[in-house]
Amino acid sequence: MKLLLTPEVNADELNLPAEVARKLKGKRVTIVEVREGFLLKPVEDPIREARGILKGKGFNVEKYLQSKQLEKDLET
């Protein structure tokens, strides 16, 4: 795989078929040259993808700080 000089573009800036454009709307993509042609690969943002993963799990900052304090107390 060979990354092109323009590593990221907004999918909205490309002239794509309607179905593909709908799926990529608002996303950034990289254009990668492969043996078969070119690959549009969405750029992943791990922080954005992880947002809300603990929602409804009963985990919050206070419980996290308490668990860290407990770990620290056990170390000493």
Foldseek 3Di string as FASTA:
>chain_A
DAFDPPQKDQLVVDDDPPVVCVVRPPFIWTWGQDPVGIDTHTDDDVVVVCPPVCPPVPDDPVVVVVVVVVVVVVVD
